[in-house]
Amino acid sequence: MFRHIINWYLASQLYQPGLSKVKANGEVGEEVEKKFNVNSNEMLIVGYLESIGAVLLSLSLVSKTFGRLGAFMASTVMSVAAAKHYLAGDSFKDTKPALKLASLSILSLLSSLKK
């Protein structure tokens, strides 16, 4: 039950930012692209991964496989986001939201693997 609550929380935190990246066609601003060394195509892919991962996480009540796929997608995206923040020289305070979501998605993935 706890895993499903985590999955719903992750889905609620990931869906809107992912959808906004998709709606903006990956355009997040020149300053962000320069700071994190990304382009609009990469951000569009990240937006799709976040949105699809959030939908799969919210469907984890239906099937464990959906939850596992969603948690894997979320953990991958958020781990890369945390690494990009560190490489850009951001403080721990700026990186904390990405680290929190990455750790929760990894926790969800690992808890779904046990029997």
Protein backbone atom coordinates (compact mmCIF):
# COMPACT_ATOMS: atom_id res chain seq x y z
CA MET A 1 0.00 0.00 0.00
CA PHE A 2 2.84 2.37 0.87
CA ARG A 3 4.35 1.84 -2.58
CA HIS A 4 1.11 2.92 -4.24
CA ILE A 5 1.04 6.12 -2.19
CA ILE A 6 4.62 6.86 -3.24
CA ASN A 7 3.74 6.12 -6.86
CA TRP A 8 0.77 8.51 -6.78
CA TYR A 9 2.92 11.21 -5.19
CA LEU A 10 5.60 10.73 -7.84
CA ALA A 11 3.01 10.82 -10.60
CA SER A 12 1.54 14.05 -9.27
CA GLN A 13 4.99 15.67 -9.09
CA LEU A 14 6.18 14.50 -12.52
CA TYR A 15 3.14 14.83 -14.78
CA GLN A 16 2.72 18.62 -14.95
CA PRO A 17 6.41 19.51 -15.49
CA GLY A 18 6.68 16.80 -18.14
CA LEU A 19 3.54 17.96 -19.88
CA SER A 20 4.70 21.58 -19.88
CA LYS A 21 7.95 20.53 -21.58
CA VAL A 22 5.99 18.65 -24.24
CA LYS A 23 3.58 21.55 -24.81
CA ALA A 24 6.50 23.97 -25.17
CA ASN A 25 8.07 21.61 -27.73
CA GLY A 26 11.13 21.23 -25.52
CA GLU A 27 11.81 24.96 -25.37
CA VAL A 28 12.79 25.81 -21.79
CA GLY A 29 14.72 28.97 -22.41
CA GLU A 30 18.17 29.79 -23.64
CA GLU A 31 19.50 30.37 -20.13
CA VAL A 32 18.47 26.89 -18.95
CA GLU A 33 19.75 25.24 -22.13
CA LYS A 34 23.13 26.92 -21.71
CA LYS A 35 23.38 26.26 -17.97
CA PHE A 36 22.56 22.55 -18.17
CA ASN A 37 24.07 21.95 -21.63
CA VAL A 38 20.86 20.57 -23.19
CA ASN A 39 18.96 21.35 -26.36
CA SER A 40 15.25 21.47 -27.09
CA ASN A 41 15.12 17.95 -28.55
CA GLU A 42 16.60 16.48 -25.37
CA MET A 43 14.14 18.42 -23.24
CA LEU A 44 11.26 17.20 -25.40
CA ILE A 45 12.37 13.60 -24.81
CA VAL A 46 12.64 14.30 -21.08
CA GLY A 47 9.13 15.73 -21.12
CA TYR A 48 7.73 12.64 -22.81
CA LEU A 49 9.58 10.33 -20.41
CA GLU A 50 8.31 12.27 -17.39
CA SER A 51 4.72 12.31 -18.62
CA ILE A 52 4.62 8.67 -19.67
CA GLY A 53 6.40 7.62 -16.48
CA ALA A 54 3.85 9.54 -14.40
CA VAL A 55 0.94 7.88 -16.20
CA LEU A 56 2.51 4.45 -15.69
CA LEU A 57 3.12 5.18 -12.01
CA SER A 58 -0.51 6.14 -11.56
CA LEU A 59 -1.51 2.86 -13.22
CA SER A 60 0.56 0.85 -10.74
CA LEU A 61 -2.65 -0.25 -8.99
CA VAL A 62 -3.59 -2.13 -12.16
CA SER A 63 -0.30 -3.94 -12.67
CA LYS A 64 3.11 -4.14 -11.01
CA THR A 65 4.69 -3.99 -14.44
CA PHE A 66 3.28 -0.51 -15.03
CA GLY A 67 4.64 0.62 -11.69
CA ARG A 68 8.05 -0.86 -12.40
CA LEU A 69 8.29 0.76 -15.83
CA GLY A 70 7.11 4.10 -14.50
CA ALA A 71 9.50 3.98 -11.55
CA PHE A 72 12.38 3.07 -13.84
CA MET A 73 11.59 5.95 -16.19
CA ALA A 74 11.19 8.40 -13.32
CA SER A 75 14.38 7.29 -11.58
CA THR A 76 16.36 7.58 -14.81
CA VAL A 77 15.09 11.06 -15.63
CA MET A 78 15.42 12.41 -12.11
CA SER A 79 18.88 10.90 -11.56
CA VAL A 80 20.12 12.57 -14.73
CA ALA A 81 18.45 15.82 -13.63
CA ALA A 82 20.24 15.66 -10.27
CA ALA A 83 23.56 14.98 -12.00
CA LYS A 84 22.98 17.91 -14.38
CA HIS A 85 22.30 20.19 -11.40
CA TYR A 86 25.55 19.12 -9.73
CA LEU A 87 27.53 19.55 -12.94
CA ALA A 88 26.05 23.02 -13.39
CA GLY A 89 27.34 23.96 -9.95
CA ASP A 90 23.97 24.23 -8.23
CA SER A 91 23.77 23.96 -4.46
CA PHE A 92 22.24 21.07 -2.57
CA LYS A 93 19.12 23.18 -1.99
CA ASP A 94 18.60 23.53 -5.76
CA THR A 95 19.27 19.84 -6.36
CA LYS A 96 17.16 18.52 -3.49
CA PRO A 97 13.82 18.20 -5.37
CA ALA A 98 15.41 16.09 -8.12
CA LEU A 99 17.22 13.95 -5.55
CA LYS A 100 14.02 13.45 -3.56
CA LEU A 101 12.05 12.29 -6.59
CA ALA A 102 14.93 10.09 -7.79
CA SER A 103 15.28 8.40 -4.41
CA LEU A 104 11.53 7.85 -4.06
CA SER A 105 11.29 6.33 -7.53
CA ILE A 106 14.27 4.05 -6.85
CA LEU A 107 12.66 3.04 -3.55
CA SER A 108 9.41 2.27 -5.37
CA LEU A 109 11.21 0.24 -8.01
CA LEU A 110 13.14 -1.79 -5.44
CA SER A 111 10.06 -2.43 -3.31
CA SER A 112 8.15 -3.69 -6.34
CA LEU A 113 10.89 -6.22 -7.07
CA LYS A 114 10.59 -8.02 -3.74
CA LYS A 115 8.00 -10.76 -3.45
